[in-house]
Amino acid sequence: MNKIFDNKQEFTELYREAVMSISGKSVEAASDLDRFNALAKLVAEKARTVATTSDARVAAEGKKRVYYFSIEFLIGRLLDNYLLNFGVRDMVAEALDDMGFDLSVIENQEPDPALGNGGLGRLAACYLDSMTTLEIPATGYSICYEL
């Protein structure tokens, strides 16, 4: 498992910088939405680094990749899933609590993408989760919806 933050102190410093970068405010003066956007941006940046490393490893090992196409995905909210999968959710929750914030309040700022309406979308998301669990290099593609 790839941990995206080495420790609580590193996370706290990076998170404070991310909030300032996103909102121009201190973490204490920022809104819950600002704090969510900063956390999502920080986790996304770290996830891209992990993805780049994984892609290079797959290429070096000559492994094949799975490209999964689906008209819809019911993936749900992603931030909590990323924090759990990278093994840092408890540490992040504790660091935020130390700063006076509740991770669940911040996570609730994330809209559900709801990219579909039922069974096939949930099935597609389950396939991707399963491939990730089995460490099968995979990417899911779908229709790009506009709101």
N, C-alpha and C. Protein backbone atom coordinates (compact mmCIF):
# COMPACT_ATOMS: atom_id res chain seq x y z
N MET A 1 0.84 -1.18 0.00
CA MET A 1 0.00 0.00 0.00
C MET A 1 0.89 1.24 0.00
N ASN A 2 0.52 2.20 -0.79
CA ASN A 2 1.25 3.47 -0.86
C ASN A 2 0.63 4.48 0.10
N LYS A 3 1.39 4.88 1.10
CA LYS A 3 0.91 5.95 1.98
C LYS A 3 1.28 7.27 1.34
N ILE A 4 0.31 8.16 1.27
CA ILE A 4 0.55 9.42 0.58
C ILE A 4 1.08 10.51 1.51
N PHE A 5 0.99 10.28 2.83
CA PHE A 5 1.56 11.20 3.81
C PHE A 5 2.36 10.35 4.80
N ASP A 6 3.56 10.80 5.11
CA ASP A 6 4.41 10.03 6.02
C ASP A 6 3.92 10.07 7.46
N ASN A 7 3.39 11.23 7.87
CA ASN A 7 2.95 11.36 9.26
C ASN A 7 1.98 12.53 9.38
N LYS A 8 1.43 12.68 10.56
CA LYS A 8 0.43 13.71 10.81
C LYS A 8 1.00 15.12 10.64
N GLN A 9 2.24 15.33 11.06
CA GLN A 9 2.85 16.65 10.94
C GLN A 9 3.01 17.04 9.47
N GLU A 10 3.47 16.10 8.64
CA GLU A 10 3.62 16.40 7.22
C GLU A 10 2.26 16.74 6.60
N PHE A 11 1.25 15.93 6.93
CA PHE A 11 -0.08 16.20 6.40
C PHE A 11 -0.56 17.59 6.82
N THR A 12 -0.42 17.91 8.10
CA THR A 12 -0.90 19.19 8.62
C THR A 12 -0.25 20.36 7.89
N GLU A 13 1.05 20.30 7.69
CA GLU A 13 1.76 21.37 6.98
C GLU A 13 1.28 21.50 5.54
N LEU A 14 1.21 20.35 4.84
CA LEU A 14 0.76 20.37 3.45
C LEU A 14 -0.69 20.83 3.33
N TYR A 15 -1.52 20.42 4.28
CA TYR A 15 -2.93 20.80 4.24
C TYR A 15 -3.11 22.29 4.48
N ARG A 16 -2.40 22.84 5.44
CA ARG A 16 -2.49 24.29 5.69
C ARG A 16 -2.07 25.07 4.44
N GLU A 17 -0.99 24.62 3.80
CA GLU A 17 -0.54 25.27 2.55
C GLU A 17 -1.60 25.15 1.46
N ALA A 18 -2.23 23.98 1.34
CA ALA A 18 -3.24 23.76 0.31
C ALA A 18 -4.45 24.65 0.53
N VAL A 19 -4.89 24.79 1.78
CA VAL A 19 -6.03 25.67 2.08
C VAL A 19 -5.69 27.10 1.70
N MET A 20 -4.50 27.55 2.05
CA MET A 20 -4.08 28.91 1.72
C MET A 20 -4.02 29.09 0.20
N SER A 21 -3.51 28.09 -0.50
CA SER A 21 -3.39 28.15 -1.96
C SER A 21 -4.76 28.20 -2.63
N ILE A 22 -5.71 27.42 -2.14
CA ILE A 22 -7.05 27.35 -2.73
C ILE A 22 -7.88 28.58 -2.41
N SER A 23 -7.84 29.01 -1.15
CA SER A 23 -8.79 30.05 -0.71
C SER A 23 -8.15 31.40 -0.39
N GLY A 24 -6.85 31.42 -0.21
CA GLY A 24 -6.20 32.66 0.20
C GLY A 24 -6.46 32.97 1.67
N LYS A 25 -6.95 31.97 2.41
CA LYS A 25 -7.28 32.15 3.82
C LYS A 25 -6.56 31.09 4.65
N SER A 26 -6.44 31.37 5.93
CA SER A 26 -5.92 30.34 6.83
C SER A 26 -6.95 29.24 6.94
N VAL A 27 -6.53 28.08 7.40
CA VAL A 27 -7.45 26.96 7.54
C VAL A 27 -8.57 27.32 8.52
N GLU A 28 -8.25 28.13 9.53
CA GLU A 28 -9.25 28.53 10.52
C GLU A 28 -10.30 29.47 9.93
N ALA A 29 -9.90 30.34 9.00
CA ALA A 29 -10.82 31.32 8.40
C ALA A 29 -11.55 30.77 7.17
N ALA A 30 -11.10 29.66 6.65
CA ALA A 30 -11.69 29.09 5.43
C ALA A 30 -13.06 28.47 5.73
N SER A 31 -13.86 28.33 4.69
CA SER A 31 -15.15 27.66 4.82
C SER A 31 -14.96 26.15 4.74
N ASP A 32 -16.01 25.40 5.10
CA ASP A 32 -15.94 23.95 4.97
C ASP A 32 -15.70 23.56 3.52
N LEU A 33 -16.30 24.28 2.57
CA LEU A 33 -16.08 23.98 1.16
C LEU A 33 -14.63 24.25 0.76
N ASP A 34 -14.06 25.34 1.25
CA ASP A 34 -12.64 25.62 0.99
C ASP A 34 -11.76 24.50 1.54
N ARG A 35 -12.08 24.04 2.75
CA ARG A 35 -11.30 22.97 3.36
C ARG A 35 -11.45 21.66 2.58
N PHE A 36 -12.66 21.39 2.09
CA PHE A 36 -12.86 20.21 1.25
C PHE A 36 -12.04 20.33 -0.04
N ASN A 37 -12.15 21.45 -0.72
CA ASN A 37 -11.43 21.63 -1.99
C ASN A 37 -9.93 21.49 -1.80
N ALA A 38 -9.41 22.00 -0.70
CA ALA A 38 -7.98 21.88 -0.42
C ALA A 38 -7.59 20.43 -0.16
N LEU A 39 -8.39 19.73 0.62
CA LEU A 39 -8.09 18.32 0.91
C LEU A 39 -8.19 17.48 -0.36
N ALA A 40 -9.22 17.72 -1.16
CA ALA A 40 -9.37 16.97 -2.41
C ALA A 40 -8.20 17.25 -3.35
N LYS A 41 -7.78 18.50 -3.44
CA LYS A 41 -6.65 18.85 -4.31
C LYS A 41 -5.36 18.19 -3.82
N LEU A 42 -5.14 18.22 -2.52
CA LEU A 42 -3.94 17.63 -1.95
C LEU A 42 -3.90 16.12 -2.18
N VAL A 43 -5.01 15.45 -1.93
CA VAL A 43 -5.07 14.00 -2.14
C VAL A 43 -4.93 13.67 -3.62
N ALA A 44 -5.56 14.46 -4.50
CA ALA A 44 -5.46 14.22 -5.94
C ALA A 44 -4.02 14.36 -6.42
N GLU A 45 -3.31 15.36 -5.93
CA GLU A 45 -1.90 15.53 -6.31
C GLU A 45 -1.07 14.31 -5.88
N LYS A 46 -1.29 13.87 -4.66
CA LYS A 46 -0.55 12.70 -4.17
C LYS A 46 -0.94 11.44 -4.96
N ALA A 47 -2.23 11.31 -5.28
CA ALA A 47 -2.69 10.14 -6.04
C ALA A 47 -2.08 10.12 -7.44
N ARG A 48 -1.92 11.29 -8.06
CA ARG A 48 -1.30 11.34 -9.39
C ARG A 48 0.15 10.86 -9.32
N THR A 49 0.85 11.20 -8.26
CA THR A 49 2.23 10.74 -8.09
C THR A 49 2.26 9.21 -7.97
N VAL A 50 1.35 8.65 -7.18
CA VAL A 50 1.27 7.19 -7.04
C VAL A 50 0.92 6.56 -8.39
N ALA A 51 -0.02 7.16 -9.13
CA ALA A 51 -0.44 6.62 -10.43
C ALA A 51 0.72 6.64 -11.42
N THR A 52 1.49 7.70 -11.43
CA THR A 52 2.64 7.80 -12.33
C THR A 52 3.67 6.72 -12.01
N THR A 53 3.93 6.50 -10.74
CA THR A 53 4.86 5.45 -10.32
C THR A 53 4.33 4.08 -10.72
N SER A 54 3.04 3.86 -10.52
CA SER A 54 2.42 2.57 -10.88
C SER A 54 2.48 2.34 -12.39
N ASP A 55 2.17 3.39 -13.16
CA ASP A 55 2.23 3.25 -14.63
C ASP A 55 3.64 2.90 -15.09
N ALA A 56 4.64 3.53 -14.50
CA ALA A 56 6.03 3.24 -14.88
C ALA A 56 6.39 1.80 -14.52
N ARG A 57 5.93 1.33 -13.35
CA ARG A 57 6.21 -0.05 -12.93
C ARG A 57 5.55 -1.05 -13.88
N VAL A 58 4.30 -0.80 -14.24
CA VAL A 58 3.57 -1.69 -15.15
C VAL A 58 4.27 -1.75 -16.50
N ALA A 59 4.69 -0.61 -17.00
CA ALA A 59 5.39 -0.57 -18.29
C ALA A 59 6.72 -1.31 -18.21
N ALA A 60 7.47 -1.09 -17.13
CA ALA A 60 8.77 -1.75 -16.97
C ALA A 60 8.63 -3.27 -16.86
N GLU A 61 7.53 -3.71 -16.25
CA GLU A 61 7.30 -5.16 -16.09
C GLU A 61 6.65 -5.77 -17.32
N GLY A 62 6.30 -4.94 -18.29
CA GLY A 62 5.68 -5.44 -19.53
C GLY A 62 4.28 -5.99 -19.34
N LYS A 63 3.61 -5.57 -18.28
CA LYS A 63 2.26 -6.05 -18.02
C LYS A 63 1.25 -5.36 -18.92
N LYS A 64 0.14 -6.02 -19.13
CA LYS A 64 -0.95 -5.43 -19.89
C LYS A 64 -1.83 -4.62 -18.94
N ARG A 65 -2.63 -3.74 -19.54
CA ARG A 65 -3.57 -2.91 -18.79
C ARG A 65 -4.98 -3.25 -19.23
N VAL A 66 -5.94 -3.05 -18.33
CA VAL A 66 -7.36 -3.20 -18.66
C VAL A 66 -7.93 -1.81 -18.87
N TYR A 67 -8.66 -1.65 -19.96
CA TYR A 67 -9.39 -0.41 -20.23
C TYR A 67 -10.86 -0.77 -20.23
N TYR A 68 -11.58 -0.28 -19.22
CA TYR A 68 -12.98 -0.66 -19.04
C TYR A 68 -13.87 0.49 -19.51
N PHE A 69 -14.70 0.21 -20.50
CA PHE A 69 -15.62 1.22 -21.03
C PHE A 69 -17.03 0.93 -20.53
N SER A 70 -17.69 1.95 -20.01
CA SER A 70 -19.06 1.81 -19.53
C SER A 70 -19.80 3.11 -19.79
N ILE A 71 -21.08 3.00 -20.09
CA ILE A 71 -21.87 4.20 -20.33
C ILE A 71 -22.11 4.97 -19.04
N GLU A 72 -21.98 4.30 -17.90
CA GLU A 72 -22.20 4.97 -16.63
C GLU A 72 -21.37 4.33 -15.53
N PHE A 73 -21.11 5.12 -14.49
CA PHE A 73 -20.43 4.66 -13.30
C PHE A 73 -21.15 5.26 -12.09
N LEU A 74 -21.54 4.46 -11.15
CA LEU A 74 -22.06 4.96 -9.88
C LEU A 74 -20.97 4.74 -8.84
N ILE A 75 -20.05 5.67 -8.81
CA ILE A 75 -18.85 5.51 -7.99
C ILE A 75 -18.99 6.10 -6.59
N GLY A 76 -19.99 6.94 -6.42
CA GLY A 76 -20.16 7.59 -5.12
C GLY A 76 -19.11 8.65 -4.88
N ARG A 77 -19.12 9.16 -3.68
CA ARG A 77 -18.13 10.17 -3.31
C ARG A 77 -16.76 9.51 -3.21
N LEU A 78 -15.73 10.22 -3.64
CA LEU A 78 -14.42 9.60 -3.79
C LEU A 78 -13.41 9.91 -2.68
N LEU A 79 -13.51 11.06 -2.04
CA LEU A 79 -12.47 11.47 -1.10
C LEU A 79 -12.27 10.44 0.01
N ASP A 80 -13.34 10.03 0.65
CA ASP A 80 -13.21 9.05 1.74
C ASP A 80 -12.59 7.75 1.23
N ASN A 81 -12.99 7.34 0.03
CA ASN A 81 -12.46 6.12 -0.57
C ASN A 81 -10.94 6.23 -0.78
N TYR A 82 -10.49 7.37 -1.28
CA TYR A 82 -9.05 7.58 -1.47
C TYR A 82 -8.32 7.52 -0.13
N LEU A 83 -8.84 8.22 0.87
CA LEU A 83 -8.18 8.23 2.17
C LEU A 83 -8.08 6.83 2.77
N LEU A 84 -9.15 6.06 2.64
CA LEU A 84 -9.14 4.68 3.13
C LEU A 84 -8.14 3.82 2.37
N ASN A 85 -8.18 3.91 1.03
CA ASN A 85 -7.32 3.07 0.20
C ASN A 85 -5.84 3.39 0.36
N PHE A 86 -5.53 4.63 0.67
CA PHE A 86 -4.12 4.99 0.90
C PHE A 86 -3.70 4.78 2.35
N GLY A 87 -4.64 4.32 3.18
CA GLY A 87 -4.31 3.99 4.56
C GLY A 87 -4.04 5.18 5.45
N VAL A 88 -4.63 6.33 5.14
CA VAL A 88 -4.36 7.54 5.92
C VAL A 88 -5.61 8.17 6.52
N ARG A 89 -6.76 7.53 6.37
CA ARG A 89 -8.00 8.17 6.82
C ARG A 89 -7.97 8.52 8.31
N ASP A 90 -7.59 7.57 9.15
CA ASP A 90 -7.58 7.82 10.59
C ASP A 90 -6.59 8.93 10.95
N MET A 91 -5.43 8.91 10.32
CA MET A 91 -4.43 9.94 10.60
C MET A 91 -4.93 11.32 10.17
N VAL A 92 -5.55 11.39 8.99
CA VAL A 92 -6.09 12.67 8.50
C VAL A 92 -7.21 13.15 9.42
N ALA A 93 -8.10 12.24 9.82
CA ALA A 93 -9.19 12.60 10.74
C ALA A 93 -8.63 13.15 12.05
N GLU A 94 -7.59 12.50 12.56
CA GLU A 94 -6.98 12.94 13.81
C GLU A 94 -6.31 14.31 13.65
N ALA A 95 -5.59 14.50 12.54
CA ALA A 95 -4.93 15.78 12.30
C ALA A 95 -5.96 16.91 12.17
N LEU A 96 -7.04 16.64 11.45
CA LEU A 96 -8.09 17.65 11.31
C LEU A 96 -8.75 17.93 12.66
N ASP A 97 -8.97 16.89 13.45
CA ASP A 97 -9.55 17.06 14.78
C ASP A 97 -8.63 17.93 15.65
N ASP A 98 -7.32 17.71 15.53
CA ASP A 98 -6.36 18.53 16.28
C ASP A 98 -6.47 20.01 15.88
N MET A 99 -6.85 20.26 14.62
CA MET A 99 -7.02 21.64 14.14
C MET A 99 -8.41 22.18 14.46
N GLY A 100 -9.28 21.32 14.98
CA GLY A 100 -10.63 21.77 15.34
C GLY A 100 -11.68 21.50 14.28
N PHE A 101 -11.41 20.57 13.36
CA PHE A 101 -12.35 20.29 12.27
C PHE A 101 -12.71 18.82 12.24
N ASP A 102 -13.88 18.53 11.72
CA ASP A 102 -14.40 17.18 11.62
C ASP A 102 -14.30 16.71 10.17
N LEU A 103 -13.57 15.61 9.95
CA LEU A 103 -13.41 15.09 8.59
C LEU A 103 -14.74 14.82 7.93
N SER A 104 -15.71 14.28 8.66
CA SER A 104 -17.00 13.95 8.04
C SER A 104 -17.72 15.20 7.54
N VAL A 105 -17.59 16.31 8.24
CA VAL A 105 -18.19 17.57 7.78
C VAL A 105 -17.52 18.02 6.49
N ILE A 106 -16.21 17.90 6.44
CA ILE A 106 -15.47 18.29 5.23
C ILE A 106 -15.83 17.36 4.08
N GLU A 107 -15.87 16.05 4.34
CA GLU A 107 -16.22 15.09 3.28
C GLU A 107 -17.63 15.30 2.75
N ASN A 108 -18.54 15.76 3.59
CA ASN A 108 -19.92 15.98 3.14
C ASN A 108 -20.07 17.15 2.18
N GLN A 109 -19.01 17.90 1.96
CA GLN A 109 -19.04 18.98 0.98
C GLN A 109 -18.93 18.44 -0.45
N GLU A 110 -18.45 17.20 -0.58
CA GLU A 110 -18.25 16.61 -1.91
C GLU A 110 -19.59 16.21 -2.52
N PRO A 111 -19.86 16.68 -3.73
CA PRO A 111 -21.10 16.24 -4.40
C PRO A 111 -20.93 14.81 -4.90
N ASP A 112 -22.02 14.07 -4.94
CA ASP A 112 -21.99 12.72 -5.50
C ASP A 112 -22.07 12.86 -7.01
N PRO A 113 -21.09 12.33 -7.76
CA PRO A 113 -21.12 12.52 -9.21
C PRO A 113 -22.31 11.87 -9.91
N ALA A 114 -22.86 10.81 -9.33
CA ALA A 114 -24.06 10.15 -9.87
C ALA A 114 -24.03 10.06 -11.40
N LEU A 115 -23.03 9.39 -11.90
CA LEU A 115 -22.85 9.26 -13.35
C LEU A 115 -23.58 8.04 -13.88
N GLY A 116 -24.87 7.99 -13.66
CA GLY A 116 -25.67 6.87 -14.12
C GLY A 116 -26.92 6.77 -13.27
N ASN A 117 -27.70 5.73 -13.53
CA ASN A 117 -28.97 5.65 -12.81
C ASN A 117 -29.26 4.28 -12.21
N GLY A 118 -28.29 3.41 -12.16
CA GLY A 118 -28.64 2.14 -11.54
C GLY A 118 -27.63 1.04 -11.71
N GLY A 119 -28.17 -0.16 -11.97
CA GLY A 119 -27.42 -1.40 -11.92
C GLY A 119 -26.12 -1.42 -12.69
N LEU A 120 -26.13 -1.01 -13.94
CA LEU A 120 -24.90 -1.07 -14.73
C LEU A 120 -23.84 -0.13 -14.18
N GLY A 121 -24.26 1.01 -13.70
CA GLY A 121 -23.31 1.96 -13.12
C GLY A 121 -22.68 1.42 -11.86
N ARG A 122 -23.46 0.77 -11.01
CA ARG A 122 -22.91 0.18 -9.79
C ARG A 122 -22.01 -1.00 -10.13
N LEU A 123 -22.41 -1.79 -11.12
CA LEU A 123 -21.60 -2.93 -11.56
C LEU A 123 -20.25 -2.47 -12.09
N ALA A 124 -20.26 -1.42 -12.88
CA ALA A 124 -19.00 -0.88 -13.42
C ALA A 124 -18.08 -0.43 -12.29
N ALA A 125 -18.64 0.25 -11.31
CA ALA A 125 -17.83 0.70 -10.17
C ALA A 125 -17.28 -0.50 -9.40
N CYS A 126 -18.08 -1.55 -9.25
CA CYS A 126 -17.61 -2.76 -8.55
C CYS A 126 -16.47 -3.44 -9.31
N TYR A 127 -16.59 -3.49 -10.63
CA TYR A 127 -15.50 -4.06 -11.43
C TYR A 127 -14.20 -3.30 -11.20
N LEU A 128 -14.27 -1.97 -11.22
CA LEU A 128 -13.06 -1.17 -11.01
C LEU A 128 -12.51 -1.37 -9.60
N ASP A 129 -13.39 -1.40 -8.60
CA ASP A 129 -12.93 -1.65 -7.23
C ASP A 129 -12.26 -3.01 -7.13
N SER A 130 -12.84 -4.02 -7.76
CA SER A 130 -12.26 -5.37 -7.72
C SER A 130 -10.89 -5.41 -8.38
N MET A 131 -10.79 -4.78 -9.54
CA MET A 131 -9.49 -4.77 -10.23
C MET A 131 -8.43 -4.06 -9.40
N THR A 132 -8.83 -2.99 -8.71
CA THR A 132 -7.89 -2.28 -7.85
C THR A 132 -7.45 -3.17 -6.69
N THR A 133 -8.41 -3.84 -6.07
CA THR A 133 -8.10 -4.74 -4.96
C THR A 133 -7.13 -5.84 -5.38
N LEU A 134 -7.31 -6.34 -6.60
CA LEU A 134 -6.45 -7.40 -7.13
C LEU A 134 -5.16 -6.86 -7.76
N GLU A 135 -4.98 -5.55 -7.68
CA GLU A 135 -3.82 -4.85 -8.23
C GLU A 135 -3.67 -5.09 -9.73
N ILE A 136 -4.80 -5.12 -10.43
CA ILE A 136 -4.81 -5.22 -11.88
C ILE A 136 -4.78 -3.80 -12.43
N PRO A 137 -3.79 -3.45 -13.24
CA PRO A 137 -3.73 -2.09 -13.78
C PRO A 137 -4.94 -1.85 -14.69
N ALA A 138 -5.78 -0.90 -14.30
CA ALA A 138 -7.02 -0.68 -15.04
C ALA A 138 -7.41 0.79 -15.02
N THR A 139 -8.10 1.19 -16.06
CA THR A 139 -8.66 2.54 -16.17
C THR A 139 -10.08 2.42 -16.66
N GLY A 140 -10.99 3.18 -16.05
CA GLY A 140 -12.39 3.19 -16.48
C GLY A 140 -12.68 4.42 -17.31
N TYR A 141 -13.40 4.23 -18.40
CA TYR A 141 -13.79 5.33 -19.28
C TYR A 141 -15.30 5.35 -19.41
N SER A 142 -15.85 6.54 -19.56
CA SER A 142 -17.30 6.69 -19.67
C SER A 142 -17.62 7.92 -20.51
N ILE A 143 -18.90 8.16 -20.64
CA ILE A 143 -19.38 9.36 -21.31
C ILE A 143 -19.06 10.56 -20.44
N CYS A 144 -18.69 11.66 -21.05
CA CYS A 144 -18.44 12.88 -20.32
C CYS A 144 -19.75 13.68 -20.25
N TYR A 145 -20.34 13.73 -19.08
CA TYR A 145 -21.59 14.44 -18.89
C TYR A 145 -21.33 15.92 -18.66
N GLU A 146 -22.22 16.75 -19.13
CA GLU A 146 -22.18 18.17 -18.83
C GLU A 146 -23.40 18.52 -18.02
N LEU A 147 -23.22 19.38 -17.03
CA LEU A 147 -24.35 19.80 -16.20
C LEU A 147 -24.87 21.13 -16.67
